Amino acid sequence: TDYTEHALGTGTNARAAAYLECQDSAGTTIWGCGIDEDI
């Protein structure tokens, strides 16, 4: 239902963070977060 992302730091060693807002089949909101060098 929603997705956002942003860089973590600057330069060649910067990483990225991604956030997901989801709903399951019952309509419950569930959040996820991922962190990696690659967005």
Full PDB file with SEQRES, HELIX, SHEET, SSBOND, CRYST1, ORIGX, SCALE, CONECT and MASTER records, all heavy atoms in Angstrom:
SEQRES   1 A   39  THR ASP TYR THR GLU HIS ALA LEU GLY THR GLY THR ASN          
SEQRES   2 A   39  ALA ARG ALA ALA ALA TYR LEU GLU CYS GLN ASP SER ALA          
SEQRES   3 A   39  GLY THR THR ILE TRP GLY CYS GLY ILE ASP GLU ASP ILE          
SHEET    1 AA1 3 ASP A   2  LEU A   8  0                                        
SHEET    2 AA1 3 ARG A  15  GLN A  23 -1                                        
SHEET    3 AA1 3 THR A  29  ASP A  36 -1                                        
CRYST1    1.000    1.000    1.000  90.00  90.00  90.00 P 1           1          
ORIGX1      1.000000  0.000000  0.000000        0.00000                         
ORIGX2      0.000000  1.000000  0.000000        0.00000                         
ORIGX3      0.000000  0.000000  1.000000        0.00000                         
SCALE1      1.000000  0.000000  0.000000        0.00000                         
SCALE2      0.000000  1.000000  0.000000        0.00000                         
SCALE3      0.000000  0.000000  1.000000        0.00000                         
ATOM      1  N   THR A   1       0.814  -1.216   0.000  1.00  0.00           N  
ATOM      2  CA  THR A   1       0.000   0.000   0.000  1.00  0.00           C  
ATOM      3  C   THR A   1       0.847   1.266   0.000  1.00  0.00           C  
ATOM      4  O   THR A   1       0.343   2.331  -0.328  1.00  0.00           O  
ATOM      5  CB  THR A   1      -0.929   0.026   1.229  1.00  0.00           C  
ATOM      6  OG1 THR A   1      -0.135  -0.094   2.424  1.00  0.00           O  
ATOM      7  CG2 THR A   1      -1.933  -1.125   1.168  1.00  0.00           C  
ATOM      8  N   ASP A   2       2.126   1.147   0.352  1.00  0.00           N  
ATOM      9  CA  ASP A   2       3.009   2.314   0.305  1.00  0.00           C  
ATOM     10  C   ASP A   2       4.451   1.842   0.280  1.00  0.00           C  
ATOM     11  O   ASP A   2       4.784   0.769   0.832  1.00  0.00           O  
ATOM     12  CB  ASP A   2       2.777   3.230   1.501  1.00  0.00           C  
ATOM     13  CG  ASP A   2       3.388   4.615   1.280  1.00  0.00           C  
ATOM     14  OD1 ASP A   2       3.677   4.958   0.122  1.00  0.00           O  
ATOM     15  OD2 ASP A   2       3.563   5.348   2.266  1.00  0.00           O  
ATOM     16  N   TYR A   3       5.314   2.623  -0.349  1.00  0.00           N  
ATOM     17  CA  TYR A   3       6.732   2.288  -0.453  1.00  0.00           C  
ATOM     18  C   TYR A   3       7.536   3.575  -0.388  1.00  0.00           C  
ATOM     19  O   TYR A   3       7.218   4.553  -1.050  1.00  0.00           O  
ATOM     20  CB  TYR A   3       7.028   1.564  -1.767  1.00  0.00           C  
ATOM     21  CG  TYR A   3       8.506   1.367  -2.034  1.00  0.00           C  
ATOM     22  CD1 TYR A   3       9.203   0.311  -1.459  1.00  0.00           C  
ATOM     23  CD2 TYR A   3       9.209   2.248  -2.865  1.00  0.00           C  
ATOM     24  CE1 TYR A   3      10.559   0.127  -1.708  1.00  0.00           C  
ATOM     25  CE2 TYR A   3      10.559   2.077  -3.108  1.00  0.00           C  
ATOM     26  CZ  TYR A   3      11.238   1.011  -2.518  1.00  0.00           C  
ATOM     27  OH  TYR A   3      12.580   0.836  -2.760  1.00  0.00           O  
ATOM     28  N   THR A   4       8.584   3.604   0.427  1.00  0.00           N  
ATOM     29  CA  THR A   4       9.520   4.738   0.470  1.00  0.00           C  
ATOM     30  C   THR A   4      10.935   4.208   0.557  1.00  0.00           C  
ATOM     31  O   THR A   4      11.170   3.061   0.998  1.00  0.00           O  
ATOM     32  CB  THR A   4       9.260   5.670   1.677  1.00  0.00           C  
ATOM     33  OG1 THR A   4       9.353   4.901   2.883  1.00  0.00           O  
ATOM     34  CG2 THR A   4       7.898   6.319   1.581  1.00  0.00           C  
ATOM     35  N   GLU A   5      11.853   5.042   0.143  1.00  0.00           N  
ATOM     36  CA  GLU A   5      13.265   4.657   0.208  1.00  0.00           C  
ATOM     37  C   GLU A   5      14.107   5.898   0.391  1.00  0.00           C  
ATOM     38  O   GLU A   5      13.664   7.024   0.121  1.00  0.00           O  
ATOM     39  CB  GLU A   5      13.683   3.943  -1.075  1.00  0.00           C  
ATOM     40  CG  GLU A   5      13.591   4.833  -2.304  1.00  0.00           C  
ATOM     41  CD  GLU A   5      13.922   4.115  -3.608  1.00  0.00           C  
ATOM     42  OE1 GLU A   5      13.520   2.947  -3.767  1.00  0.00           O  
ATOM     43  OE2 GLU A   5      14.580   4.748  -4.452  1.00  0.00           O  
ATOM     44  N   HIS A   6      15.323   5.735   0.883  1.00  0.00           N  
ATOM     45  CA  HIS A   6      16.263   6.856   0.992  1.00  0.00           C  
ATOM     46  C   HIS A   6      17.674   6.314   1.123  1.00  0.00           C  
ATOM     47  O   HIS A   6      17.891   5.135   1.470  1.00  0.00           O  
ATOM     48  CB  HIS A   6      15.935   7.771   2.175  1.00  0.00           C  
ATOM     49  CG  HIS A   6      16.079   7.120   3.528  1.00  0.00           C  
ATOM     50  ND1 HIS A   6      17.285   6.970   4.154  1.00  0.00           N  
ATOM     51  CD2 HIS A   6      15.140   6.583   4.356  1.00  0.00           C  
ATOM     52  CE1 HIS A   6      17.108   6.380   5.326  1.00  0.00           C  
ATOM     53  NE2 HIS A   6      15.807   6.129   5.464  1.00  0.00           N  
ATOM     54  N   ALA A   7      18.632   7.157   0.828  1.00  0.00           N  
ATOM     55  CA  ALA A   7      20.038   6.780   0.959  1.00  0.00           C  
ATOM     56  C   ALA A   7      20.459   6.837   2.419  1.00  0.00           C  
ATOM     57  O   ALA A   7      19.939   7.632   3.204  1.00  0.00           O  
ATOM     58  CB  ALA A   7      20.912   7.705   0.123  1.00  0.00           C  
ATOM     59  N   LEU A   8      21.400   6.008   2.778  1.00  0.00           N  
ATOM     60  CA  LEU A   8      22.021   6.030   4.105  1.00  0.00           C  
ATOM     61  C   LEU A   8      23.461   6.486   3.923  1.00  0.00           C  
ATOM     62  O   LEU A   8      24.327   5.705   3.540  1.00  0.00           O  
ATOM     63  CB  LEU A   8      21.987   4.650   4.757  1.00  0.00           C  
ATOM     64  CG  LEU A   8      20.625   4.108   5.193  1.00  0.00           C  
ATOM     65  CD1 LEU A   8      20.743   2.661   5.632  1.00  0.00           C  
ATOM     66  CD2 LEU A   8      20.073   4.951   6.318  1.00  0.00           C  
ATOM     67  N   GLY A   9      23.698   7.766   4.139  1.00  0.00           N  
ATOM     68  CA  GLY A   9      25.036   8.286   3.950  1.00  0.00           C  
ATOM     69  C   GLY A   9      25.254   8.745   2.523  1.00  0.00           C  
ATOM     70  O   GLY A   9      24.340   8.758   1.689  1.00  0.00           O  
ATOM     71  N   THR A  10      26.499   9.137   2.243  1.00  0.00           N  
ATOM     72  CA  THR A  10      26.867   9.626   0.918  1.00  0.00           C  
ATOM     73  C   THR A  10      28.167   8.972   0.483  1.00  0.00           C  
ATOM     74  O   THR A  10      28.867   8.331   1.276  1.00  0.00           O  
ATOM     75  CB  THR A  10      27.050  11.155   0.932  1.00  0.00           C  
ATOM     76  OG1 THR A  10      28.074  11.491   1.874  1.00  0.00           O  
ATOM     77  CG2 THR A  10      25.752  11.866   1.285  1.00  0.00           C  
ATOM     78  N   GLY A  11      28.464   9.127  -0.801  1.00  0.00           N  
ATOM     79  CA  GLY A  11      29.726   8.616  -1.315  1.00  0.00           C  
ATOM     80  C   GLY A  11      29.636   7.171  -1.762  1.00  0.00           C  
ATOM     81  O   GLY A  11      28.561   6.547  -1.819  1.00  0.00           O  
ATOM     82  N   THR A  12      30.805   6.611  -2.038  1.00  0.00           N  
ATOM     83  CA  THR A  12      30.851   5.259  -2.600  1.00  0.00           C  
ATOM     84  C   THR A  12      30.411   4.189  -1.608  1.00  0.00           C  
ATOM     85  O   THR A  12      30.020   3.096  -2.013  1.00  0.00           O  
ATOM     86  CB  THR A  12      32.283   4.940  -3.079  1.00  0.00           C  
ATOM     87  OG1 THR A  12      33.189   5.113  -1.970  1.00  0.00           O  
ATOM     88  CG2 THR A  12      32.690   5.874  -4.207  1.00  0.00           C  
ATOM     89  N   ASN A  13      30.471   4.481  -0.317  1.00  0.00           N  
ATOM     90  CA  ASN A  13      30.086   3.485   0.688  1.00  0.00           C  
ATOM     91  C   ASN A  13      28.647   3.663   1.177  1.00  0.00           C  
ATOM     92  O   ASN A  13      28.240   3.041   2.161  1.00  0.00           O  
ATOM     93  CB  ASN A  13      31.033   3.567   1.890  1.00  0.00           C  
ATOM     94  CG  ASN A  13      32.455   3.178   1.529  1.00  0.00           C  
ATOM     95  OD1 ASN A  13      32.674   2.275   0.731  1.00  0.00           O  
ATOM     96  ND2 ASN A  13      33.433   3.885   2.096  1.00  0.00           N  
ATOM     97  N   ALA A  14      27.897   4.514   0.500  1.00  0.00           N  
ATOM     98  CA  ALA A  14      26.521   4.762   0.929  1.00  0.00           C  
ATOM     99  C   ALA A  14      25.672   3.503   0.756  1.00  0.00           C  
ATOM    100  O   ALA A  14      25.874   2.715  -0.178  1.00  0.00           O  
ATOM    101  CB  ALA A  14      25.917   5.907   0.125  1.00  0.00           C  
ATOM    102  N   ARG A  15      24.722   3.339   1.658  1.00  0.00           N  
ATOM    103  CA  ARG A  15      23.757   2.245   1.562  1.00  0.00           C  
ATOM    104  C   ARG A  15      22.372   2.837   1.343  1.00  0.00           C  
ATOM    105  O   ARG A  15      22.213   4.038   1.243  1.00  0.00           O  
ATOM    106  CB  ARG A  15      23.785   1.401   2.832  1.00  0.00           C  
ATOM    107  CG  ARG A  15      25.115   0.711   3.095  1.00  0.00           C  
ATOM    108  CD  ARG A  15      25.057  -0.063   4.405  1.00  0.00           C  
ATOM    109  NE  ARG A  15      24.764   0.813   5.515  1.00  0.00           N  
ATOM    110  CZ  ARG A  15      24.211   0.419   6.665  1.00  0.00           C  
ATOM    111  NH1 ARG A  15      23.848  -0.853   6.829  1.00  0.00           N  
ATOM    112  NH2 ARG A  15      23.990   1.279   7.639  1.00  0.00           N  
ATOM    113  N   ALA A  16      21.386   1.969   1.245  1.00  0.00           N  
ATOM    114  CA  ALA A  16      20.017   2.426   1.025  1.00  0.00           C  
ATOM    115  C   ALA A  16      19.094   1.689   1.980  1.00  0.00           C  
ATOM    116  O   ALA A  16      19.358   0.555   2.400  1.00  0.00           O  
ATOM    117  CB  ALA A  16      19.594   2.178  -0.418  1.00  0.00           C  
ATOM    118  N   ALA A  17      17.998   2.367   2.321  1.00  0.00           N  
ATOM    119  CA  ALA A  17      16.957   1.757   3.151  1.00  0.00           C  
ATOM    120  C   ALA A  17      15.634   1.833   2.393  1.00  0.00           C  
ATOM    121  O   ALA A  17      15.326   2.842   1.752  1.00  0.00           O  
ATOM    122  CB  ALA A  17      16.834   2.473   4.485  1.00  0.00           C  
ATOM    123  N   ALA A  18      14.867   0.771   2.466  1.00  0.00           N  
ATOM    124  CA  ALA A  18      13.556   0.717   1.821  1.00  0.00           C  
ATOM    125  C   ALA A  18      12.518   0.299   2.850  1.00  0.00           C  
ATOM    126  O   ALA A  18      12.787  -0.552   3.716  1.00  0.00           O  
ATOM    127  CB  ALA A  18      13.574  -0.263   0.650  1.00  0.00           C  
ATOM    128  N   TYR A  19      11.323   0.910   2.773  1.00  0.00           N  
ATOM    129  CA  TYR A  19      10.255   0.620   3.728  1.00  0.00           C  
ATOM    130  C   TYR A  19       8.986   0.261   2.951  1.00  0.00           C  
ATOM    131  O   TYR A  19       8.617   0.960   1.998  1.00  0.00           O  
ATOM    132  CB  TYR A  19       9.968   1.835   4.614  1.00  0.00           C  
ATOM    133  CG  TYR A  19      11.203   2.447   5.245  1.00  0.00           C  
ATOM    134  CD1 TYR A  19      11.846   3.531   4.642  1.00  0.00           C  
ATOM    135  CD2 TYR A  19      11.726   1.943   6.434  1.00  0.00           C  
ATOM    136  CE1 TYR A  19      12.972   4.093   5.208  1.00  0.00           C  
ATOM    137  CE2 TYR A  19      12.850   2.501   7.008  1.00  0.00           C  
ATOM    138  CZ  TYR A  19      13.477   3.580   6.389  1.00  0.00           C  
ATOM    139  OH  TYR A  19      14.595   4.132   6.954  1.00  0.00           O  
ATOM    140  N   LEU A  20       8.353  -0.799   3.372  1.00  0.00           N  
ATOM    141  CA  LEU A  20       7.116  -1.247   2.740  1.00  0.00           C  
ATOM    142  C   LEU A  20       5.971  -1.253   3.743  1.00  0.00           C  
ATOM    143  O   LEU A  20       6.119  -1.795   4.846  1.00  0.00           O  
ATOM    144  CB  LEU A  20       7.259  -2.680   2.205  1.00  0.00           C  
ATOM    145  CG  LEU A  20       7.929  -2.924   0.854  1.00  0.00           C  
ATOM    146  CD1 LEU A  20       7.910  -4.411   0.559  1.00  0.00           C  
ATOM    147  CD2 LEU A  20       7.226  -2.161  -0.246  1.00  0.00           C  
ATOM    148  N   GLU A  21       4.851  -0.664   3.337  1.00  0.00           N  
ATOM    149  CA  GLU A  21       3.614  -0.828   4.090  1.00  0.00           C  
ATOM    150  C   GLU A  21       2.736  -1.792   3.296  1.00  0.00           C  
ATOM    151  O   GLU A  21       2.430  -1.537   2.123  1.00  0.00           O  
ATOM    152  CB  GLU A  21       2.892   0.500   4.276  1.00  0.00           C  
ATOM    153  CG  GLU A  21       1.603   0.365   5.085  1.00  0.00           C  
ATOM    154  CD  GLU A  21       0.821   1.665   5.170  1.00  0.00           C  
ATOM    155  OE1 GLU A  21       1.230   2.650   4.525  1.00  0.00           O  
ATOM    156  OE2 GLU A  21      -0.223   1.687   5.862  1.00  0.00           O  
ATOM    157  N   CYS A  22       2.354  -2.896   3.917  1.00  0.00           N  
ATOM    158  CA  CYS A  22       1.585  -3.935   3.231  1.00  0.00           C  
ATOM    159  C   CYS A  22       0.315  -4.258   4.007  1.00  0.00           C  
ATOM    160  O   CYS A  22       0.182  -3.907   5.192  1.00  0.00           O  
ATOM    161  CB  CYS A  22       2.410  -5.226   3.101  1.00  0.00           C  
ATOM    162  SG  CYS A  22       3.992  -5.025   2.281  1.00  0.00           S  
ATOM    163  N   GLN A  23      -0.563  -4.950   3.336  1.00  0.00           N  
ATOM    164  CA  GLN A  23      -1.724  -5.534   3.993  1.00  0.00           C  
ATOM    165  C   GLN A  23      -1.784  -7.011   3.650  1.00  0.00           C  
ATOM    166  O   GLN A  23      -1.524  -7.412   2.505  1.00  0.00           O  
ATOM    167  CB  GLN A  23      -3.017  -4.848   3.547  1.00  0.00           C  
ATOM    168  CG  GLN A  23      -3.261  -3.511   4.195  1.00  0.00           C  
ATOM    169  CD  GLN A  23      -4.657  -2.966   3.932  1.00  0.00           C  
ATOM    170  OE1 GLN A  23      -5.348  -3.441   3.023  1.00  0.00           O  
ATOM    171  NE2 GLN A  23      -5.077  -2.008   4.717  1.00  0.00           N  
ATOM    172  N   ASP A  24      -2.125  -7.832   4.634  1.00  0.00           N  
ATOM    173  CA  ASP A  24      -2.305  -9.257   4.357  1.00  0.00           C  
ATOM    174  C   ASP A  24      -3.746  -9.499   3.926  1.00  0.00           C  
ATOM    175  O   ASP A  24      -4.554  -8.560   3.809  1.00  0.00           O  
ATOM    176  CB  ASP A  24      -1.908 -10.109   5.568  1.00  0.00           C  
ATOM    177  CG  ASP A  24      -2.764  -9.841   6.794  1.00  0.00           C  
ATOM    178  OD1 ASP A  24      -3.836  -9.210   6.668  1.00  0.00           O  
ATOM    179  OD2 ASP A  24      -2.352 -10.261   7.899  1.00  0.00           O  
ATOM    180  N   SER A  25      -4.084 -10.742   3.714  1.00  0.00           N  
ATOM    181  CA  SER A  25      -5.410 -11.085   3.199  1.00  0.00           C  
ATOM    182  C   SER A  25      -6.523 -10.714   4.170  1.00  0.00           C  
ATOM    183  O   SER A  25      -7.676 -10.543   3.756  1.00  0.00           O  
ATOM    184  CB  SER A  25      -5.478 -12.582   2.877  1.00  0.00           C  
ATOM    185  OG  SER A  25      -5.126 -13.351   4.031  1.00  0.00           O  
ATOM    186  N   ALA A  26      -6.194 -10.559   5.457  1.00  0.00           N  
ATOM    187  CA  ALA A  26      -7.190 -10.186   6.463  1.00  0.00           C  
ATOM    188  C   ALA A  26      -7.298  -8.680   6.623  1.00  0.00           C  
ATOM    189  O   ALA A  26      -8.074  -8.190   7.439  1.00  0.00           O  
ATOM    190  CB  ALA A  26      -6.836 -10.829   7.802  1.00  0.00           C  
ATOM    191  N   GLY A  27      -6.498  -7.924   5.875  1.00  0.00           N  
ATOM    192  CA  GLY A  27      -6.529  -6.469   5.963  1.00  0.00           C  
ATOM    193  C   GLY A  27      -5.650  -5.895   7.048  1.00  0.00           C  
ATOM    194  O   GLY A  27      -5.703  -4.683   7.320  1.00  0.00           O  
ATOM    195  N   THR A  28      -4.807  -6.704   7.672  1.00  0.00           N  
ATOM    196  CA  THR A  28      -3.899  -6.239   8.720  1.00  0.00           C  
ATOM    197  C   THR A  28      -2.688  -5.537   8.097  1.00  0.00           C  
ATOM    198  O   THR A  28      -2.102  -6.049   7.136  1.00  0.00           O  
ATOM    199  CB  THR A  28      -3.421  -7.414   9.586  1.00  0.00           C  
ATOM    200  OG1 THR A  28      -4.551  -8.088  10.137  1.00  0.00           O  
ATOM    201  CG2 THR A  28      -2.507  -6.928  10.701  1.00  0.00           C  
ATOM    202  N   THR A  29      -2.325  -4.406   8.638  1.00  0.00           N  
ATOM    203  CA  THR A  29      -1.158  -3.668   8.134  1.00  0.00           C  
ATOM    204  C   THR A  29       0.121  -4.307   8.658  1.00  0.00           C  
ATOM    205  O   THR A  29       0.254  -4.590   9.852  1.00  0.00           O  
ATOM    206  CB  THR A  29      -1.205  -2.195   8.570  1.00  0.00           C  
ATOM    207  OG1 THR A  29      -2.372  -1.583   7.985  1.00  0.00           O  
ATOM    208  CG2 THR A  29       0.037  -1.446   8.098  1.00  0.00           C  
ATOM    209  N   ILE A  30       1.054  -4.525   7.766  1.00  0.00           N  
ATOM    210  CA  ILE A  30       2.344  -5.138   8.099  1.00  0.00           C  
ATOM    211  C   ILE A  30       3.444  -4.300   7.463  1.00  0.00           C  
ATOM    212  O   ILE A  30       3.339  -3.903   6.293  1.00  0.00           O  
ATOM    213  CB  ILE A  30       2.411  -6.591   7.591  1.00  0.00           C  
ATOM    214  CG1 ILE A  30       1.385  -7.458   8.339  1.00  0.00           C  
ATOM    215  CG2 ILE A  30       3.822  -7.152   7.772  1.00  0.00           C  
ATOM    216  CD1 ILE A  30       1.284  -8.861   7.825  1.00  0.00           C  
ATOM    217  N   TRP A  31       4.485  -4.041   8.236  1.00  0.00           N  
ATOM    218  CA  TRP A  31       5.595  -3.223   7.769  1.00  0.00           C  
ATOM    219  C   TRP A  31       6.837  -4.072   7.539  1.00  0.00           C  
ATOM    220  O   TRP A  31       7.071  -5.060   8.235  1.00  0.00           O  
ATOM    221  CB  TRP A  31       5.926  -2.126   8.770  1.00  0.00           C  
ATOM    222  CG  TRP A  31       4.956  -0.987   8.749  1.00  0.00           C  
ATOM    223  CD1 TRP A  31       3.825  -0.860   9.486  1.00  0.00           C  
ATOM    224  CD2 TRP A  31       5.019   0.156   7.916  1.00  0.00           C  
ATOM    225  NE1 TRP A  31       3.167   0.307   9.182  1.00  0.00           N  
ATOM    226  CE2 TRP A  31       3.887   0.958   8.209  1.00  0.00           C  
ATOM    227  CE3 TRP A  31       5.912   0.601   6.934  1.00  0.00           C  
ATOM    228  CZ2 TRP A  31       3.640   2.165   7.564  1.00  0.00           C  
ATOM    229  CZ3 TRP A  31       5.677   1.810   6.298  1.00  0.00           C  
ATOM    230  CH2 TRP A  31       4.542   2.572   6.607  1.00  0.00           C  
ATOM    231  N   GLY A  32       7.616  -3.656   6.552  1.00  0.00           N  
ATOM    232  CA  GLY A  32       8.891  -4.295   6.288  1.00  0.00           C  
ATOM    233  C   GLY A  32       9.958  -3.260   6.040  1.00  0.00           C  
ATOM    234  O   GLY A  32       9.678  -2.146   5.573  1.00  0.00           O  
ATOM    235  N   CYS A  33      11.193  -3.593   6.348  1.00  0.00           N  
ATOM    236  CA  CYS A  33      12.341  -2.698   6.121  1.00  0.00           C  
ATOM    237  C   CYS A  33      13.504  -3.514   5.595  1.00  0.00           C  
ATOM    238  O   CYS A  33      13.786  -4.610   6.101  1.00  0.00           O  
ATOM    239  CB  CYS A  33      12.741  -1.994   7.413  1.00  0.00           C  
ATOM    240  SG  CYS A  33      14.227  -0.954   7.248  1.00  0.00           S  
ATOM    241  N   GLY A  34      14.165  -2.997   4.580  1.00  0.00           N  
ATOM    242  CA  GLY A  34      15.348  -3.642   4.039  1.00  0.00           C  
ATOM    243  C   GLY A  34      16.491  -2.662   3.910  1.00  0.00           C  
ATOM    244  O   GLY A  34      16.278  -1.492   3.563  1.00  0.00           O  
ATOM    245  N   ILE A  35      17.703  -3.103   4.218  1.00  0.00           N  
ATOM    246  CA  ILE A  35      18.897  -2.262   4.140  1.00  0.00           C  
ATOM    247  C   ILE A  35      19.946  -3.001   3.333  1.00  0.00           C  
ATOM    248  O   ILE A  35      20.218  -4.187   3.564  1.00  0.00           O  
ATOM    249  CB  ILE A  35      19.449  -1.946   5.546  1.00  0.00           C  
ATOM    250  CG1 ILE A  35      18.400  -1.192   6.375  1.00  0.00           C  
ATOM    251  CG2 ILE A  35      20.732  -1.125   5.457  1.00  0.00           C  
ATOM    252  CD1 ILE A  35      18.792  -1.007   7.839  1.00  0.00           C  
ATOM    253  N   ASP A  36      20.528  -2.307   2.345  1.00  0.00           N  
ATOM    254  CA  ASP A  36      21.549  -2.938   1.521  1.00  0.00           C  
ATOM    255  C   ASP A  36      22.347  -1.855   0.799  1.00  0.00           C  
ATOM    256  O   ASP A  36      21.917  -0.694   0.728  1.00  0.00           O  
ATOM    257  CB  ASP A  36      20.913  -3.873   0.495  1.00  0.00           C  
ATOM    258  CG  ASP A  36      21.911  -4.879  -0.067  1.00  0.00           C  
ATOM    259  OD1 ASP A  36      22.051  -5.970   0.543  1.00  0.00           O  
ATOM    260  OD2 ASP A  36      22.549  -4.579  -1.092  1.00  0.00           O  
ATOM    261  N   GLU A  37      23.507  -2.247   0.273  1.00  0.00           N  
ATOM    262  CA  GLU A  37      24.289  -1.310  -0.523  1.00  0.00           C  
ATOM    263  C   GLU A  37      23.575  -0.949  -1.812  1.00  0.00           C  
ATOM    264  O   GLU A  37      23.798   0.115  -2.390  1.00  0.00           O  
ATOM    265  CB  GLU A  37      25.669  -1.904  -0.854  1.00  0.00           C  
ATOM    266  CG  GLU A  37      26.628  -1.975   0.320  1.00  0.00           C  
ATOM    267  CD  GLU A  37      26.340  -3.138   1.260  1.00  0.00           C  
ATOM    268  OE1 GLU A  37      25.483  -3.996   0.895  1.00  0.00           O  
ATOM    269  OE2 GLU A  37      26.944  -3.194   2.341  1.00  0.00           O  
ATOM    270  N   ASP A  38      22.714  -1.840  -2.289  1.00  0.00           N  
ATOM    271  CA  ASP A  38      21.983  -1.648  -3.539  1.00  0.00           C  
ATOM    272  C   ASP A  38      20.514  -1.399  -3.231  1.00  0.00           C  
ATOM    273  O   ASP A  38      19.900  -2.150  -2.470  1.00  0.00           O  
ATOM    274  CB  ASP A  38      22.142  -2.903  -4.409  1.00  0.00           C  
ATOM    275  CG  ASP A  38      21.285  -2.870  -5.649  1.00  0.00           C  
ATOM    276  OD1 ASP A  38      21.512  -2.005  -6.500  1.00  0.00           O  
ATOM    277  OD2 ASP A  38      20.361  -3.697  -5.745  1.00  0.00           O  
ATOM    278  N   ILE A  39      19.927  -0.349  -3.813  1.00  0.00           N  
ATOM    279  CA  ILE A  39      18.556   0.001  -3.483  1.00  0.00           C  
ATOM    280  C   ILE A  39      17.575  -1.075  -3.921  1.00  0.00           C  
ATOM    281  O   ILE A  39      16.571  -1.338  -3.239  1.00  0.00           O  
ATOM    282  CB  ILE A  39      18.174   1.372  -4.101  1.00  0.00           C  
ATOM    283  CG1 ILE A  39      16.787   1.806  -3.617  1.00  0.00           C  
ATOM    284  CG2 ILE A  39      18.250   1.337  -5.611  1.00  0.00           C  
ATOM    285  CD1 ILE A  39      16.629   1.922  -2.142  1.00  0.00           C  
TER     286      ILE A  39                                                      
MASTER        0    0    0    0    3    0    0    6  285    1    0    3          
END                                                                             
